[in-house]
Amino acid sequence: GLARAAAVPEPDGYLEPIPQHLSPIQFGNGALARGAKARPVNIDLDVWKNGTADLQWYGEITAGTPPQKFKLIFDTSASIMLVAQNNCTTCGNHTLFEPSKSSTFSPQPNRTLLITFGQGAGTVSSPEVQGANCTVVTDTLRMAGLAPGGDNPTSEFAICSTYSSGLRDQPPDGLFGLSSTPTSFWNETEGEFTPIYWGLVKTGQIPGPEFSFSFVPSKKPSGVLTLGGTDRSLYLPNTLRKIPLNWELSSSRWRWVVDVLGARVSTTNPPTTSPPDGASSPNWSPPLNGSLDAVTLVDTGGASITTPDRETTAAIYALMSPAIQPLDNFGSWGAPCALLERVARDVLFTVGNATHKVDAVVRREYVNVGEYPGKPGVCQGVFTDPGRVAREPVRGRPAWIFGTPWLRSYYTVWNGVERTMGFATLVGLDRD
């Protein structure tokens, strides 16, 4: 995803919150009234695998008239949609958008966009600067048969003339942002636009601002994105629990940020099913340094868990096995595959606040994310270091990035108007 650059404090100007010119609350209430008769819709998702490890989930969007189909990662760490243009020579085998074949295409607003992000394809960080050179254009877009522009189905998105290796090498064709706020900007504080999903909300084509994810690769489809609400067939009744977003951080970067109250590693294998009780538990480690009074970006476009610093990563793996060691200079850790499978432990994160909190676990089954490139028989762990020490910009607290390995054990519900994230028990998810 695009998340890593957002979690790490950036130079000049990053500490200034980006203004939101439209209140999410006002925006959402109007849309709910207009869309009262609309129903939630589902988009089926496929999963990208590295051997047996599940990395990222993606689904279909169409652009243009007649529609050109693209497979895109639905990314909660981004607000934009981007695909490769037909003049791209570094885009590998991806489907390319052809403007001349669309009768509804407009080159406006013709804004040049340089997109950068911190991680390459999959779980391995790259020394190469990752990103794309793009131009913002306008055309008809549809998702699950719905057009964000309603009767005037035109939306702004980015078509790219170059892809870095990270975008080139991943199976999905590009990214589709699912921001927490109904307005965003192409370039920091200029070029305001309505993110595509919020266009569906604004025109009342879905009943509300809520969307939901289910990631279960053993089922068909491998995942489901529900637009405008939840699919009650995918989670057990009376299990949905909601926590507040950290709205100060979420709204300033259009993303989904929650507070982290602590992280613990299971001391048993198989792990206990009971969450830690109070300050200590015989089945769980004490809370890790770097996890108390912290924050995390929640990133459906990410295939790993990025810690705030190298010391925190080392502490997690030390509680599993001293054989788990750094594999490169870019944050990856690992060990011989059989050993990593044997010693992996659940890691439990408590998120939310004092009155509304959830214990959500990265299961031991998801610690091994597959064989590390160029090292036969050596597998990478899901926990990685950031490029540099990551602290959030307001209070300087440790900043994590939680990708799909944290989300996939739950049915998750996202609401930028209510400013909450919800967690429910998935139907049909069994442990190995």
Protein backbone atom coordinates (compact mmCIF):
# COMPACT_ATOMS: atom_id res chain seq x y z
CA GLY A 1 0.00 0.00 0.00
CA LEU A 2 0.87 3.68 0.16
CA ALA A 3 0.91 3.60 3.93
CA ARG A 4 4.56 3.47 4.92
CA ALA A 5 5.38 7.00 3.81
CA ALA A 6 2.39 8.26 5.79
CA ALA A 7 3.44 6.66 9.07
CA VAL A 8 6.96 8.04 9.07
CA PRO A 9 7.26 11.76 9.83
CA GLU A 10 8.27 13.60 6.70
CA PRO A 11 10.19 16.88 6.46
CA ASP A 12 8.85 20.41 6.03
CA GLY A 13 5.14 20.82 6.45
CA TYR A 14 4.20 17.31 7.50
CA LEU A 15 3.21 18.47 11.00
CA GLU A 16 0.52 20.75 9.61
CA PRO A 17 -2.85 18.94 9.33
CA ILE A 18 -4.30 19.15 5.85
CA PRO A 19 -7.61 21.07 5.98
CA GLN A 20 -10.88 19.28 5.36
CA HIS A 21 -13.28 21.71 3.68
CA LEU A 22 -16.33 19.48 4.06
CA SER A 23 -17.43 17.95 7.35
CA PRO A 24 -17.70 14.15 7.09
CA ILE A 25 -20.70 14.23 9.43
CA GLN A 26 -22.64 16.75 7.33
CA PHE A 27 -21.63 15.00 4.15
CA GLY A 28 -22.69 11.58 5.35
CA ASN A 29 -26.08 12.57 6.76
CA GLY A 30 -27.14 14.12 3.50
CA ALA A 31 -26.06 11.06 1.56
CA LEU A 32 -27.91 8.71 3.90
CA ALA A 33 -31.14 10.59 3.32
CA ARG A 34 -30.77 10.54 -0.46
CA GLY A 35 -29.73 6.88 -0.53
CA ALA A 36 -32.34 5.48 1.85
CA LYS A 37 -33.61 2.95 -0.71
CA ALA A 38 -30.20 1.84 -1.90
CA ARG A 39 -28.75 -1.48 -0.78
CA PRO A 40 -25.20 -2.58 0.02
CA VAL A 41 -23.44 -4.35 -2.85
CA ASN A 42 -20.60 -6.87 -2.86
CA ILE A 43 -17.41 -6.99 -4.91
CA ASP A 44 -15.72 -10.41 -5.03
CA LEU A 45 -12.00 -10.38 -4.31
CA ASP A 46 -9.15 -12.60 -5.51
CA VAL A 47 -5.97 -13.19 -3.50
CA TRP A 48 -2.35 -12.88 -4.62
CA LYS A 49 -0.22 -15.68 -3.18
CA ASN A 50 3.50 -16.18 -2.58
CA GLY A 51 3.64 -19.96 -2.61
CA THR A 52 1.16 -20.86 0.12
CA ALA A 53 1.24 -17.40 1.74
CA ASP A 54 -1.65 -15.03 1.02
CA LEU A 55 -0.42 -11.51 0.33
CA GLN A 56 -2.99 -9.07 -1.04
CA TRP A 57 -6.62 -9.02 -2.16
CA TYR A 58 -7.97 -7.26 -5.24
CA GLY A 59 -11.17 -6.87 -7.26
CA GLU A 60 -12.55 -5.51 -10.52
CA ILE A 61 -13.23 -1.91 -11.53
CA THR A 62 -14.11 -0.68 -15.01
CA ALA A 63 -13.10 2.61 -16.62
CA GLY A 64 -14.29 4.19 -19.84
CA THR A 65 -17.10 3.69 -22.37
CA PRO A 66 -17.24 0.89 -23.38
CA PRO A 67 -15.80 -0.39 -20.08
CA GLN A 68 -12.15 -1.42 -19.79
CA LYS A 69 -11.61 -3.88 -16.93
CA PHE A 70 -8.91 -3.60 -14.26
CA LYS A 71 -7.96 -5.65 -11.22
CA LEU A 72 -7.15 -3.25 -8.40
CA ILE A 73 -6.04 -3.52 -4.78
CA PHE A 74 -8.61 -1.83 -2.55
CA ASP A 75 -6.27 0.23 -0.41
CA THR A 76 -7.33 1.97 2.82
CA SER A 77 -3.99 3.79 2.95
CA ALA A 78 -4.78 5.75 -0.23
CA SER A 79 -7.49 8.07 -1.51
CA ILE A 80 -6.78 7.83 -5.25
CA MET A 81 -7.32 5.33 -8.03
CA LEU A 82 -4.43 4.66 -10.39
CA VAL A 83 -3.97 2.43 -13.43
CA ALA A 84 -1.33 2.18 -16.16
CA GLN A 85 -1.79 4.09 -19.41
CA ASN A 86 -1.22 2.56 -22.84
CA ASN A 87 1.99 4.60 -23.28
CA CYS A 88 3.63 2.93 -20.27
CA THR A 89 6.78 0.95 -21.10
CA THR A 90 7.59 -0.11 -17.51
CA CYS A 91 4.22 -1.62 -16.60
CA GLY A 92 4.94 -5.27 -17.36
CA ASN A 93 1.93 -7.37 -18.32
CA HIS A 94 -0.68 -5.15 -16.71
CA THR A 95 -3.86 -4.15 -18.47
CA LEU A 96 -3.34 -0.65 -19.88
CA PHE A 97 -5.99 2.05 -20.04
CA GLU A 98 -6.53 3.32 -23.59
CA PRO A 99 -8.04 6.82 -23.59
CA SER A 100 -8.73 6.82 -27.33
CA LYS A 101 -11.07 3.84 -26.95
CA SER A 102 -13.36 5.62 -24.48
CA SER A 103 -16.08 7.96 -25.75
CA THR A 104 -16.47 9.52 -22.29
CA PHE A 105 -12.78 10.24 -21.64
CA SER A 106 -11.62 13.75 -20.80
CA PRO A 107 -7.95 14.74 -20.28
CA GLN A 108 -9.04 17.29 -17.66
CA PRO A 109 -7.96 18.34 -15.08
CA ASN A 110 -4.67 17.22 -16.70
CA ARG A 111 -2.79 17.46 -13.41
CA THR A 112 0.70 15.90 -13.25
CA LEU A 113 1.12 13.58 -10.29
CA LEU A 114 4.24 11.90 -8.88
CA ILE A 115 3.18 9.13 -6.50
CA THR A 116 5.71 7.63 -4.10
CA PHE A 117 5.34 4.92 -1.49
CA GLY A 118 7.63 2.91 0.71
CA GLN A 119 7.33 -0.79 -0.10
CA GLY A 120 7.63 -2.85 -3.21
CA ALA A 121 5.44 -5.71 -4.31
CA GLY A 122 4.43 -8.14 -1.61
CA THR A 123 6.35 -8.09 1.67
CA VAL A 124 9.95 -7.27 0.69
CA SER A 125 10.99 -3.62 0.83
CA SER A 126 13.03 -2.38 -2.09
CA PRO A 127 16.05 -0.04 -2.20
CA GLU A 128 14.48 1.45 -5.32
CA VAL A 129 12.18 4.44 -4.84
CA GLN A 130 8.70 3.03 -5.42
CA GLY A 131 5.94 4.91 -7.17
CA ALA A 132 4.51 6.06 -10.49
CA ASN A 133 4.41 9.07 -12.80
CA CYS A 134 0.80 9.83 -13.58
CA THR A 135 -1.69 12.32 -14.98
CA VAL A 136 -5.09 13.03 -13.45
CA VAL A 137 -7.92 12.60 -15.97
CA THR A 138 -11.69 12.12 -15.97
CA ASP A 139 -13.87 9.27 -17.24
CA THR A 140 -16.72 6.95 -16.36
CA LEU A 141 -15.85 4.50 -13.60
CA ARG A 142 -17.99 1.65 -12.34
CA MET A 143 -17.68 -0.69 -9.38
CA ALA A 144 -20.22 -3.47 -8.81
CA GLY A 145 -22.29 -1.86 -11.56
CA LEU A 146 -22.46 1.51 -9.78
CA ALA A 147 -21.10 4.77 -11.22
CA PRO A 148 -19.76 7.23 -8.62
CA GLY A 149 -21.01 10.19 -10.65
CA GLY A 150 -24.59 8.94 -10.77
CA ASP A 151 -26.42 10.39 -13.77
CA ASN A 152 -23.22 12.20 -14.73
CA PRO A 153 -20.82 9.28 -14.28
CA THR A 154 -17.44 10.97 -14.40
CA SER A 155 -14.68 10.63 -11.83
CA GLU A 156 -11.11 11.85 -11.52
CA PHE A 157 -8.39 9.19 -11.41
CA ALA A 158 -4.74 8.78 -12.33
CA ILE A 159 -3.35 7.12 -15.45
CA CYS A 160 0.36 6.40 -15.25
CA SER A 161 3.13 6.47 -17.84
CA THR A 162 5.70 4.73 -15.60
CA TYR A 163 5.48 2.11 -12.84
CA SER A 164 8.29 1.25 -10.44
CA SER A 165 9.14 -2.42 -9.88
CA GLY A 166 6.73 -2.72 -6.96
CA LEU A 167 3.69 -1.87 -9.06
CA ARG A 168 5.04 -3.64 -12.14
CA ASP A 169 5.66 -6.97 -10.43
CA GLN A 170 2.41 -7.37 -8.51
CA PRO A 171 -0.47 -9.21 -10.23
CA PRO A 172 -3.08 -6.45 -9.65
CA ASP A 173 -3.12 -3.69 -12.25
CA GLY A 174 -3.15 -0.78 -9.81
CA LEU A 175 -4.74 0.70 -6.70
CA PHE A 176 -8.16 1.90 -5.63
CA GLY A 177 -8.12 4.16 -2.57
CA LEU A 178 -10.71 3.92 0.20
CA SER A 179 -10.11 7.06 2.24
CA SER A 180 -11.62 7.90 5.62
CA THR A 181 -12.72 11.39 4.51
CA PRO A 182 -15.02 12.59 1.70
CA THR A 183 -12.50 15.08 0.35
CA SER A 184 -8.86 14.68 -0.55
CA PHE A 185 -6.15 16.49 -2.49
CA TRP A 186 -3.99 15.41 -5.41
CA ASN A 187 -0.98 17.41 -4.24
CA GLU A 188 -0.96 18.03 -0.48
CA THR A 189 -3.21 21.11 -0.11
CA GLU A 190 -4.27 21.74 -3.71
CA GLY A 191 -6.35 19.95 -6.28
CA GLU A 192 -9.27 19.03 -4.01
CA PHE A 193 -11.39 16.12 -5.24
CA THR A 194 -14.02 13.66 -4.03
CA PRO A 195 -12.57 10.13 -3.70
CA ILE A 196 -14.44 7.69 -5.90
CA TYR A 197 -16.05 5.67 -3.11
CA TRP A 198 -17.37 8.84 -1.49
CA GLY A 199 -18.92 9.71 -4.86
CA LEU A 200 -21.15 6.66 -4.45
CA VAL A 201 -22.12 7.86 -0.99
CA LYS A 202 -22.71 11.45 -2.11
CA THR A 203 -25.07 10.43 -4.93
CA GLY A 204 -27.02 8.03 -2.70
CA GLN A 205 -26.23 4.91 -4.72
CA ILE A 206 -25.34 3.04 -1.55
CA PRO A 207 -27.21 3.40 1.75
CA GLY A 208 -24.37 4.87 3.77
CA PRO A 209 -20.64 5.50 4.11
CA GLU A 210 -19.82 2.14 5.69
CA PHE A 211 -17.83 -0.53 3.85
CA SER A 212 -16.69 -3.94 5.03
CA PHE A 213 -14.03 -6.55 4.25
CA SER A 214 -13.90 -10.32 4.53
CA PHE A 215 -10.60 -12.07 3.72
CA VAL A 216 -10.98 -15.88 3.67
CA PRO A 217 -8.74 -17.34 0.94
CA SER A 218 -9.91 -20.91 1.59
CA LYS A 219 -13.39 -19.95 0.37
CA LYS A 220 -14.76 -18.88 -3.00
CA PRO A 221 -14.55 -15.99 -3.51
CA SER A 222 -11.31 -15.44 -1.59
CA GLY A 223 -12.65 -12.22 -0.13
CA VAL A 224 -15.56 -9.82 -0.29
CA LEU A 225 -15.72 -6.02 -0.17
CA THR A 226 -19.21 -4.79 0.74
CA LEU A 227 -20.02 -1.21 -0.29
CA GLY A 228 -22.54 0.73 1.77
CA GLY A 229 -22.85 -1.55 4.80
CA THR A 230 -22.22 -5.13 5.88
CA ASP A 231 -23.04 -8.62 4.60
CA ARG A 232 -24.50 -10.40 7.61
CA SER A 233 -23.98 -13.81 6.02
CA LEU A 234 -20.21 -13.33 6.42
CA TYR A 235 -19.98 -12.82 10.19
CA LEU A 236 -21.58 -14.26 13.31
CA PRO A 237 -24.47 -12.29 14.84
CA ASN A 238 -23.87 -10.22 17.97
CA THR A 239 -20.08 -10.30 17.57
CA LEU A 240 -19.48 -6.87 16.01
CA ARG A 241 -17.51 -4.54 18.27
CA LYS A 242 -16.50 -1.01 17.28
CA ILE A 243 -13.62 1.21 18.32
CA PRO A 244 -13.07 4.90 17.60
CA LEU A 245 -10.63 6.11 15.01
CA ASN A 246 -7.91 8.52 16.05
CA TRP A 247 -9.63 11.23 14.06
CA GLU A 248 -6.95 13.87 14.43
CA LEU A 249 -4.48 11.63 12.57
CA SER A 250 -7.02 9.92 10.30
CA SER A 251 -8.54 13.12 8.92
CA SER A 252 -5.24 14.92 8.43
CA ARG A 253 -3.97 12.21 6.04
CA TRP A 254 -7.32 10.79 4.76
CA ARG A 255 -6.47 7.38 6.17
CA TRP A 256 -7.56 5.00 8.93
CA VAL A 257 -5.60 5.38 12.16
CA VAL A 258 -6.43 3.76 15.52
CA ASP A 259 -4.73 3.91 18.90
CA VAL A 260 -2.68 0.92 20.06
CA LEU A 261 -2.84 0.16 23.79
CA GLY A 262 -0.42 -2.77 23.81
CA ALA A 263 0.98 -5.81 21.98
CA ARG A 264 1.78 -9.23 23.50
CA VAL A 265 3.27 -12.42 22.13
CA SER A 266 1.77 -15.80 23.04
CA THR A 267 4.05 -17.92 25.23
CA THR A 268 2.33 -21.18 24.28
CA ASN A 269 2.04 -23.09 21.03
CA PRO A 270 -0.76 -23.78 20.28
CA PRO A 271 -1.79 -20.49 21.84
CA THR A 272 -4.38 -19.99 24.53
CA THR A 273 -7.76 -18.76 23.33
CA SER A 274 -8.06 -16.36 26.28
CA PRO A 275 -6.92 -12.75 25.90
CA PRO A 276 -4.49 -11.33 28.43
CA ASP A 277 -6.06 -10.38 31.74
CA GLY A 278 -4.78 -7.14 33.23
CA ALA A 279 -1.08 -6.36 33.37
CA SER A 280 0.15 -9.96 33.33
CA SER A 281 -0.87 -13.37 32.06
CA PRO A 282 1.00 -16.70 32.11
CA ASN A 283 0.00 -17.31 28.49
CA TRP A 284 1.18 -13.99 27.08
CA SER A 285 4.30 -11.87 27.27
CA PRO A 286 4.24 -8.49 29.00
CA PRO A 287 3.29 -5.62 26.66
CA LEU A 288 6.09 -4.83 24.23
CA ASN A 289 7.97 -1.57 24.37
CA GLY A 290 6.86 0.39 21.33
CA SER A 291 3.27 -0.81 21.68
CA LEU A 292 2.07 1.07 24.76
CA ASP A 293 0.46 4.40 23.87
CA ALA A 294 1.09 3.94 20.14
CA VAL A 295 -0.89 4.34 16.92
CA THR A 296 -1.28 2.34 13.75
CA LEU A 297 -2.32 2.94 10.17
CA VAL A 298 -4.68 0.16 9.09
CA ASP A 299 -3.76 -0.78 5.52
CA THR A 300 -5.68 -3.23 3.34
CA GLY A 301 -3.04 -2.66 0.66
CA GLY A 302 -0.25 -4.00 2.86
CA ALA A 303 0.89 -7.62 3.18
CA SER A 304 2.99 -7.20 6.34
CA ILE A 305 3.02 -5.65 9.81
CA THR A 306 5.50 -2.78 10.03
CA THR A 307 6.72 -2.03 13.54
CA PRO A 308 7.77 1.44 14.76
CA ASP A 309 11.48 0.55 14.92
CA ARG A 310 14.03 -2.24 14.69
CA GLU A 311 14.09 -2.79 18.47
CA THR A 312 10.38 -3.64 18.52
CA THR A 313 10.76 -6.10 15.63
CA ALA A 314 13.68 -7.76 17.39
CA ALA A 315 11.68 -8.06 20.62
CA ILE A 316 8.79 -9.81 18.85
CA TYR A 317 11.01 -12.37 17.16
CA ALA A 318 13.16 -12.92 20.27
CA LEU A 319 10.03 -14.24 21.99
CA MET A 320 9.65 -16.80 19.18
CA SER A 321 13.24 -17.89 18.41
CA PRO A 322 16.74 -16.34 18.38
CA ALA A 323 17.18 -18.00 14.99
CA ILE A 324 14.91 -15.38 13.39
CA GLN A 325 17.33 -12.74 12.14
CA PRO A 326 17.48 -9.82 9.67
CA LEU A 327 17.59 -10.94 6.03
CA ASP A 328 18.55 -7.62 4.42
CA ASN A 329 19.12 -3.96 5.17
CA PHE A 330 15.54 -2.98 4.37
CA GLY A 331 13.61 -4.38 7.33
CA SER A 332 12.98 -8.03 6.44
CA TRP A 333 13.51 -10.80 9.03
CA GLY A 334 13.32 -14.55 8.63
CA ALA A 335 14.62 -18.05 9.31
CA PRO A 336 14.67 -21.50 7.70
CA CYS A 337 11.11 -22.18 6.59
CA ALA A 338 10.49 -25.28 8.72
CA LEU A 339 11.85 -23.55 11.81
CA LEU A 340 9.75 -20.43 11.27
CA GLU A 341 6.63 -22.56 10.91
CA ARG A 342 7.44 -24.39 14.14
CA VAL A 343 8.25 -21.43 16.39
CA ALA A 344 5.66 -18.90 15.14
CA ARG A 345 3.40 -17.47 17.82
CA ASP A 346 0.21 -15.45 17.93
CA VAL A 347 0.75 -11.73 18.50
CA LEU A 348 -2.19 -9.93 20.09
CA PHE A 349 -2.82 -6.20 19.75
CA THR A 350 -5.21 -4.25 21.96
CA VAL A 351 -6.60 -1.29 20.02
CA GLY A 352 -9.10 1.47 20.75
CA ASN A 353 -9.46 3.45 23.95
CA ALA A 354 -10.17 2.79 27.62
CA THR A 355 -13.92 2.38 27.12
CA HIS A 356 -14.06 0.87 23.62
CA LYS A 357 -11.27 -1.56 22.84
CA VAL A 358 -10.72 -4.79 20.94
CA ASP A 359 -8.10 -7.55 21.22
CA ALA A 360 -7.19 -8.49 17.63
CA VAL A 361 -4.57 -11.12 16.87
CA VAL A 362 -2.07 -11.80 14.11
CA ARG A 363 -2.35 -15.59 14.07
CA ARG A 364 0.74 -17.75 14.10
CA GLU A 365 -0.42 -19.22 10.77
CA TYR A 366 0.22 -15.83 9.16
CA VAL A 367 3.70 -15.17 10.57
CA ASN A 368 5.40 -16.97 7.65
CA VAL A 369 4.80 -14.94 4.49
CA GLY A 370 6.74 -17.24 2.18
CA GLU A 371 10.20 -17.87 0.81
CA TYR A 372 12.47 -14.84 0.69
CA PRO A 373 13.61 -14.00 -2.89
CA GLY A 374 17.10 -15.34 -3.62
CA LYS A 375 17.34 -17.39 -0.40
CA PRO A 376 16.01 -20.91 -1.07
CA GLY A 377 14.66 -22.58 2.05
CA VAL A 378 14.59 -19.31 4.02
CA CYS A 379 11.19 -17.76 4.76
CA GLN A 380 10.32 -14.22 5.72
CA GLY A 381 8.40 -13.22 8.82
CA VAL A 382 5.39 -10.93 8.66
CA PHE A 383 6.85 -8.33 11.05
CA THR A 384 9.21 -5.87 9.36
CA ASP A 385 11.20 -2.75 10.29
CA PRO A 386 10.30 0.68 8.93
CA GLY A 387 12.80 2.51 6.73
CA ARG A 388 13.56 4.68 9.75
CA VAL A 389 12.12 5.09 13.22
CA ALA A 390 8.39 5.80 12.80
CA ARG A 391 6.62 8.24 15.09
CA GLU A 392 3.29 9.97 14.56
CA PRO A 393 3.56 13.73 13.99
CA VAL A 394 1.32 15.15 16.72
CA ARG A 395 2.56 13.59 19.97
CA GLY A 396 5.54 11.61 18.71
CA ARG A 397 4.08 8.23 19.64
CA PRO A 398 5.32 4.98 18.04
CA ALA A 399 3.62 4.42 14.67
CA TRP A 400 2.82 0.95 13.31
CA ILE A 401 1.28 -0.18 10.02
CA PHE A 402 -1.13 -3.12 10.25
CA GLY A 403 -1.73 -4.87 6.91
CA THR A 404 -4.06 -7.71 5.98
CA PRO A 405 -2.33 -10.33 8.20
CA TRP A 406 -3.86 -8.46 11.16
CA LEU A 407 -7.23 -7.88 9.50
CA ARG A 408 -7.88 -11.27 7.94
CA SER A 409 -8.90 -13.06 11.14
CA TYR A 410 -11.93 -10.77 11.42
CA TYR A 411 -14.81 -9.28 9.51
CA THR A 412 -13.93 -5.58 9.53
CA VAL A 413 -16.30 -2.64 9.17
CA TRP A 414 -15.08 0.86 8.27
CA ASN A 415 -17.08 4.05 8.79
CA GLY A 416 -15.64 7.51 8.11
CA VAL A 417 -18.81 9.32 9.19
CA GLU A 418 -19.20 7.47 12.48
CA ARG A 419 -15.39 7.57 12.71
CA THR A 420 -15.13 3.95 13.81
CA MET A 421 -13.68 0.58 12.88
CA GLY A 422 -15.58 -2.60 13.71
CA PHE A 423 -14.44 -6.19 14.24
CA ALA A 424 -16.69 -9.27 14.07
CA THR A 425 -16.19 -13.04 14.05
CA LEU A 426 -15.92 -14.41 10.52
CA VAL A 427 -18.14 -17.27 9.40
CA GLY A 428 -16.17 -20.36 8.39
CA LEU A 429 -12.72 -19.32 9.59
CA ASP A 430 -11.08 -22.26 11.38
CA ARG A 431 -7.60 -22.63 12.80
CA ASP A 432 -5.15 -25.07 11.33
